[in-house]
Structures are given as structure tokens and as C-alpha cells.
Amino acid sequence: MKIVVGTYAWIELFIGSRKGQAVKEKLGSAEEVYTPDAVLAELARKFIGEGLESNVVVERLFKVSEVSRMVPIDKSIAIRAAELDRELKEKAKKASLREP
């Protein structure tokens, strides 16, 4: 299974929440893990904004890049990601997996 991990999922993992535990399990069972490169900037902003020391932020960003393949985001990938997101939301709504 291939997975793409976004900012929210990484944050949940680092804070050790219940959702973060689910992320950890998915990471452990995935064949390939991808993270959009913009996620690193979003994580750094979040962690620095929370007052974490720079060395802790660097360690966390290193961990993200260590366990996943960083994917540069260009215009075509951004558009395709938006299309896939919309398709997934529509399928989830039809399957009653997501609130309208």
C-alpha cells in the first residue's frame, strides 16, 4: 500500500494522540510513504510557533524525511491532488463514511 502523509497526520503522530497511533500503524504497514515537501515548512511553522527549540524541530523534520519520500509539489501535482481529494470525499460521502 502507498500512502501520502499530510501535515495534520504528522502532527498527530508527534503529539502521540489516538489518531497519531493510527498514523503510526499505517506507516508501519505501508510499502511506500510519501510526504509533500510543503509539509516540512508547515510543520516547522507549527512547532516553532508552539515554542519548541530549533534542534527539536530539526529532529522531527529529519524523522519525517527519514521515514517517507519527500515529493516536490508542482502545478500538475497540485491540481491532480485536488482532483483526487474531491473524488475521495465524494466516495466517502456516498459510502456514509463522512459527514456532508
N, C-alpha and C. Protein backbone atom coordinates (compact mmCIF):
# COMPACT_ATOMS: atom_id res chain seq x y z
N MET A 1 0.84 -1.17 0.00
CA MET A 1 0.00 0.00 0.00
C MET A 1 0.89 1.24 0.00
N LYS A 2 0.51 2.23 -0.79
CA LYS A 2 1.19 3.52 -0.83
C LYS A 2 0.34 4.52 -0.09
N ILE A 3 0.99 5.37 0.72
CA ILE A 3 0.24 6.41 1.42
C ILE A 3 0.94 7.75 1.29
N VAL A 4 0.14 8.80 1.34
CA VAL A 4 0.65 10.16 1.37
C VAL A 4 0.28 10.72 2.74
N VAL A 5 1.27 11.25 3.44
CA VAL A 5 1.06 11.75 4.79
C VAL A 5 1.12 13.27 4.78
N GLY A 6 0.07 13.88 5.27
CA GLY A 6 -0.01 15.34 5.32
C GLY A 6 0.37 15.90 6.68
N THR A 7 0.33 17.20 6.77
CA THR A 7 0.73 17.91 7.98
C THR A 7 -0.03 17.45 9.21
N TYR A 8 -1.34 17.39 9.09
CA TYR A 8 -2.19 17.02 10.23
C TYR A 8 -1.80 15.65 10.78
N ALA A 9 -1.57 14.70 9.89
CA ALA A 9 -1.22 13.35 10.33
C ALA A 9 0.12 13.34 11.05
N TRP A 10 1.10 14.07 10.54
CA TRP A 10 2.40 14.13 11.21
C TRP A 10 2.27 14.77 12.58
N ILE A 11 1.48 15.83 12.68
CA ILE A 11 1.30 16.49 13.98
C ILE A 11 0.69 15.51 14.98
N GLU A 12 -0.36 14.81 14.56
CA GLU A 12 -1.00 13.84 15.45
C GLU A 12 -0.01 12.77 15.90
N LEU A 13 0.84 12.33 14.99
CA LEU A 13 1.85 11.33 15.33
C LEU A 13 2.82 11.88 16.39
N PHE A 14 3.30 13.10 16.18
CA PHE A 14 4.27 13.67 17.10
C PHE A 14 3.68 13.98 18.47
N ILE A 15 2.39 14.30 18.54
CA ILE A 15 1.81 14.57 19.86
C ILE A 15 1.37 13.28 20.55
N GLY A 16 1.39 12.18 19.81
CA GLY A 16 1.07 10.89 20.42
C GLY A 16 -0.40 10.67 20.71
N SER A 17 -1.25 11.29 19.90
CA SER A 17 -2.69 11.14 20.10
C SER A 17 -3.19 9.77 19.61
N ARG A 18 -4.46 9.53 19.84
CA ARG A 18 -5.08 8.30 19.34
C ARG A 18 -5.01 8.26 17.81
N LYS A 19 -5.28 9.40 17.20
CA LYS A 19 -5.17 9.48 15.74
C LYS A 19 -3.72 9.28 15.30
N GLY A 20 -2.80 9.79 16.10
CA GLY A 20 -1.38 9.60 15.82
C GLY A 20 -0.98 8.14 15.87
N GLN A 21 -1.59 7.39 16.77
CA GLN A 21 -1.32 5.96 16.84
C GLN A 21 -1.79 5.27 15.56
N ALA A 22 -2.93 5.70 15.04
CA ALA A 22 -3.42 5.14 13.77
C ALA A 22 -2.47 5.47 12.63
N VAL A 23 -1.92 6.68 12.65
CA VAL A 23 -0.93 7.06 11.63
C VAL A 23 0.29 6.16 11.74
N LYS A 24 0.75 5.93 12.95
CA LYS A 24 1.92 5.08 13.18
C LYS A 24 1.69 3.68 12.63
N GLU A 25 0.51 3.14 12.86
CA GLU A 25 0.18 1.81 12.34
C GLU A 25 0.18 1.79 10.82
N LYS A 26 -0.40 2.84 10.21
CA LYS A 26 -0.42 2.93 8.74
C LYS A 26 1.00 3.04 8.19
N LEU A 27 1.82 3.82 8.83
CA LEU A 27 3.21 3.95 8.38
C LEU A 27 3.93 2.61 8.44
N GLY A 28 3.66 1.86 9.50
CA GLY A 28 4.31 0.57 9.68
C GLY A 28 3.89 -0.47 8.66
N SER A 29 2.68 -0.34 8.14
CA SER A 29 2.19 -1.34 7.19
C SER A 29 2.30 -0.90 5.73
N ALA A 30 2.69 0.34 5.50
CA ALA A 30 2.77 0.86 4.14
C ALA A 30 4.03 0.36 3.43
N GLU A 31 3.86 0.09 2.14
CA GLU A 31 5.01 -0.28 1.32
C GLU A 31 5.81 0.96 0.93
N GLU A 32 5.08 2.04 0.66
CA GLU A 32 5.72 3.29 0.28
C GLU A 32 5.01 4.43 1.00
N VAL A 33 5.81 5.37 1.52
CA VAL A 33 5.27 6.53 2.24
C VAL A 33 5.80 7.79 1.56
N TYR A 34 4.88 8.70 1.27
CA TYR A 34 5.23 9.95 0.61
C TYR A 34 4.75 11.12 1.45
N THR A 35 5.52 12.20 1.44
CA THR A 35 5.14 13.43 2.11
C THR A 35 5.42 14.59 1.15
N PRO A 36 4.42 15.42 0.88
CA PRO A 36 4.67 16.62 0.06
C PRO A 36 5.69 17.52 0.75
N ASP A 37 6.60 18.08 -0.02
CA ASP A 37 7.68 18.87 0.58
C ASP A 37 7.18 20.10 1.33
N ALA A 38 6.05 20.64 0.96
CA ALA A 38 5.50 21.80 1.65
C ALA A 38 5.14 21.47 3.10
N VAL A 39 4.93 20.21 3.40
CA VAL A 39 4.59 19.78 4.76
C VAL A 39 5.72 20.13 5.73
N LEU A 40 6.96 20.05 5.29
CA LEU A 40 8.08 20.40 6.18
C LEU A 40 7.98 21.84 6.67
N ALA A 41 7.65 22.76 5.77
CA ALA A 41 7.51 24.16 6.16
C ALA A 41 6.32 24.34 7.12
N GLU A 42 5.23 23.64 6.84
CA GLU A 42 4.05 23.74 7.71
C GLU A 42 4.34 23.19 9.11
N LEU A 43 5.06 22.08 9.16
CA LEU A 43 5.42 21.50 10.46
C LEU A 43 6.36 22.42 11.22
N ALA A 44 7.36 22.96 10.53
CA ALA A 44 8.31 23.86 11.18
C ALA A 44 7.58 25.07 11.75
N ARG A 45 6.67 25.65 10.99
CA ARG A 45 5.90 26.81 11.45
C ARG A 45 5.09 26.46 12.70
N LYS A 46 4.43 25.30 12.68
CA LYS A 46 3.62 24.86 13.80
C LYS A 46 4.48 24.66 15.06
N PHE A 47 5.57 23.91 14.90
CA PHE A 47 6.39 23.58 16.06
C PHE A 47 7.11 24.80 16.63
N ILE A 48 7.63 25.66 15.77
CA ILE A 48 8.29 26.87 16.25
C ILE A 48 7.27 27.79 16.89
N GLY A 49 6.08 27.86 16.31
CA GLY A 49 5.00 28.66 16.89
C GLY A 49 4.60 28.17 18.28
N GLU A 50 4.79 26.89 18.54
CA GLU A 50 4.48 26.32 19.86
C GLU A 50 5.64 26.48 20.84
N GLY A 51 6.74 27.06 20.35
CA GLY A 51 7.87 27.33 21.23
C GLY A 51 8.88 26.20 21.36
N LEU A 52 8.80 25.20 20.47
CA LEU A 52 9.80 24.14 20.52
C LEU A 52 11.16 24.67 20.12
N GLU A 53 12.19 24.13 20.71
CA GLU A 53 13.55 24.54 20.38
C GLU A 53 13.89 24.09 18.96
N SER A 54 14.76 24.86 18.32
CA SER A 54 15.12 24.59 16.92
C SER A 54 15.65 23.18 16.72
N ASN A 55 16.46 22.69 17.66
CA ASN A 55 17.03 21.36 17.49
C ASN A 55 15.94 20.28 17.51
N VAL A 56 14.89 20.47 18.30
CA VAL A 56 13.78 19.52 18.32
C VAL A 56 13.03 19.56 17.00
N VAL A 57 12.82 20.76 16.47
CA VAL A 57 12.14 20.92 15.18
C VAL A 57 12.95 20.22 14.09
N VAL A 58 14.25 20.44 14.09
CA VAL A 58 15.13 19.81 13.09
C VAL A 58 15.06 18.29 13.20
N GLU A 59 15.08 17.77 14.41
CA GLU A 59 14.99 16.31 14.61
C GLU A 59 13.68 15.76 14.06
N ARG A 60 12.59 16.46 14.30
CA ARG A 60 11.29 15.99 13.81
C ARG A 60 11.23 16.04 12.29
N LEU A 61 11.72 17.12 11.70
CA LEU A 61 11.72 17.22 10.25
C LEU A 61 12.61 16.14 9.63
N PHE A 62 13.73 15.87 10.28
CA PHE A 62 14.61 14.80 9.81
C PHE A 62 13.88 13.47 9.84
N LYS A 63 13.15 13.21 10.92
CA LYS A 63 12.41 11.95 11.06
C LYS A 63 11.39 11.80 9.94
N VAL A 64 10.69 12.88 9.62
CA VAL A 64 9.71 12.84 8.53
C VAL A 64 10.40 12.45 7.22
N SER A 65 11.52 13.10 6.94
CA SER A 65 12.22 12.81 5.67
C SER A 65 12.92 11.46 5.70
N GLU A 66 13.17 10.94 6.88
CA GLU A 66 13.80 9.62 7.01
C GLU A 66 12.80 8.49 6.72
N VAL A 67 11.57 8.65 7.16
CA VAL A 67 10.59 7.56 7.02
C VAL A 67 9.68 7.71 5.81
N SER A 68 9.82 8.82 5.07
CA SER A 68 8.99 9.00 3.89
C SER A 68 9.80 9.63 2.76
N ARG A 69 9.31 9.42 1.58
CA ARG A 69 9.95 10.03 0.41
C ARG A 69 9.33 11.41 0.23
N MET A 70 10.17 12.42 0.21
CA MET A 70 9.69 13.79 0.04
C MET A 70 9.36 14.03 -1.43
N VAL A 71 8.18 14.58 -1.68
CA VAL A 71 7.70 14.79 -3.04
C VAL A 71 7.58 16.28 -3.31
N PRO A 72 8.31 16.78 -4.31
CA PRO A 72 8.17 18.19 -4.66
C PRO A 72 6.80 18.42 -5.30
N ILE A 73 6.17 19.52 -4.93
CA ILE A 73 4.84 19.81 -5.45
C ILE A 73 4.96 20.86 -6.56
N ASP A 74 4.52 20.48 -7.76
CA ASP A 74 4.46 21.44 -8.85
C ASP A 74 2.98 21.64 -9.22
N LYS A 75 2.72 22.44 -10.22
CA LYS A 75 1.34 22.77 -10.57
C LYS A 75 0.52 21.54 -10.93
N SER A 76 1.09 20.65 -11.72
CA SER A 76 0.32 19.48 -12.16
C SER A 76 0.00 18.55 -10.99
N ILE A 77 0.94 18.39 -10.06
CA ILE A 77 0.69 17.55 -8.89
C ILE A 77 -0.35 18.20 -7.99
N ALA A 78 -0.29 19.53 -7.84
CA ALA A 78 -1.26 20.23 -7.01
C ALA A 78 -2.67 20.06 -7.56
N ILE A 79 -2.82 20.18 -8.86
CA ILE A 79 -4.14 20.03 -9.47
C ILE A 79 -4.62 18.59 -9.34
N ARG A 80 -3.76 17.63 -9.61
CA ARG A 80 -4.16 16.22 -9.50
C ARG A 80 -4.53 15.86 -8.06
N ALA A 81 -3.78 16.38 -7.10
CA ALA A 81 -4.09 16.12 -5.70
C ALA A 81 -5.46 16.67 -5.33
N ALA A 82 -5.77 17.86 -5.83
CA ALA A 82 -7.09 18.45 -5.56
C ALA A 82 -8.20 17.60 -6.17
N GLU A 83 -7.98 17.11 -7.38
CA GLU A 83 -8.98 16.26 -8.04
C GLU A 83 -9.19 14.96 -7.28
N LEU A 84 -8.10 14.34 -6.87
CA LEU A 84 -8.21 13.09 -6.11
C LEU A 84 -8.88 13.31 -4.76
N ASP A 85 -8.57 14.42 -4.10
CA ASP A 85 -9.21 14.74 -2.83
C ASP A 85 -10.72 14.86 -3.00
N ARG A 86 -11.14 15.53 -4.04
CA ARG A 86 -12.57 15.69 -4.30
C ARG A 86 -13.22 14.34 -4.57
N GLU A 87 -12.57 13.51 -5.38
CA GLU A 87 -13.10 12.17 -5.67
C GLU A 87 -13.24 11.34 -4.40
N LEU A 88 -12.22 11.36 -3.55
CA LEU A 88 -12.28 10.59 -2.31
C LEU A 88 -13.39 11.08 -1.39
N LYS A 89 -13.56 12.39 -1.30
CA LYS A 89 -14.63 12.93 -0.45
C LYS A 89 -16.00 12.53 -0.97
N GLU A 90 -16.16 12.54 -2.28
CA GLU A 90 -17.45 12.13 -2.86
C GLU A 90 -17.71 10.65 -2.59
N LYS A 91 -16.70 9.82 -2.75
CA LYS A 91 -16.87 8.38 -2.48
C LYS A 91 -17.18 8.14 -1.00
N ALA A 92 -16.49 8.85 -0.13
CA ALA A 92 -16.72 8.67 1.32
C ALA A 92 -18.13 9.12 1.68
N LYS A 93 -18.58 10.21 1.08
CA LYS A 93 -19.92 10.71 1.36
C LYS A 93 -20.97 9.67 0.92
N LYS A 94 -20.78 9.11 -0.27
CA LYS A 94 -21.72 8.11 -0.79
C LYS A 94 -21.73 6.87 0.08
N ALA A 95 -20.58 6.53 0.65
CA ALA A 95 -20.48 5.34 1.48
C ALA A 95 -20.80 5.65 2.94
N SER A 96 -21.25 6.86 3.20
CA SER A 96 -21.59 7.31 4.57
C SER A 96 -20.40 7.23 5.52
N LEU A 97 -19.22 7.47 4.98
CA LEU A 97 -18.01 7.48 5.80
C LEU A 97 -17.65 8.87 6.27
N ARG A 98 -18.35 9.84 5.71
CA ARG A 98 -18.02 11.23 6.02
C ARG A 98 -19.31 12.02 6.10
N GLU A 99 -19.33 12.97 7.01
CA GLU A 99 -20.50 13.83 7.12
C GLU A 99 -20.57 14.75 5.91
N PRO A 100 -21.77 15.11 5.48
CA PRO A 100 -21.91 16.00 4.31
C PRO A 100 -21.33 17.37 4.52
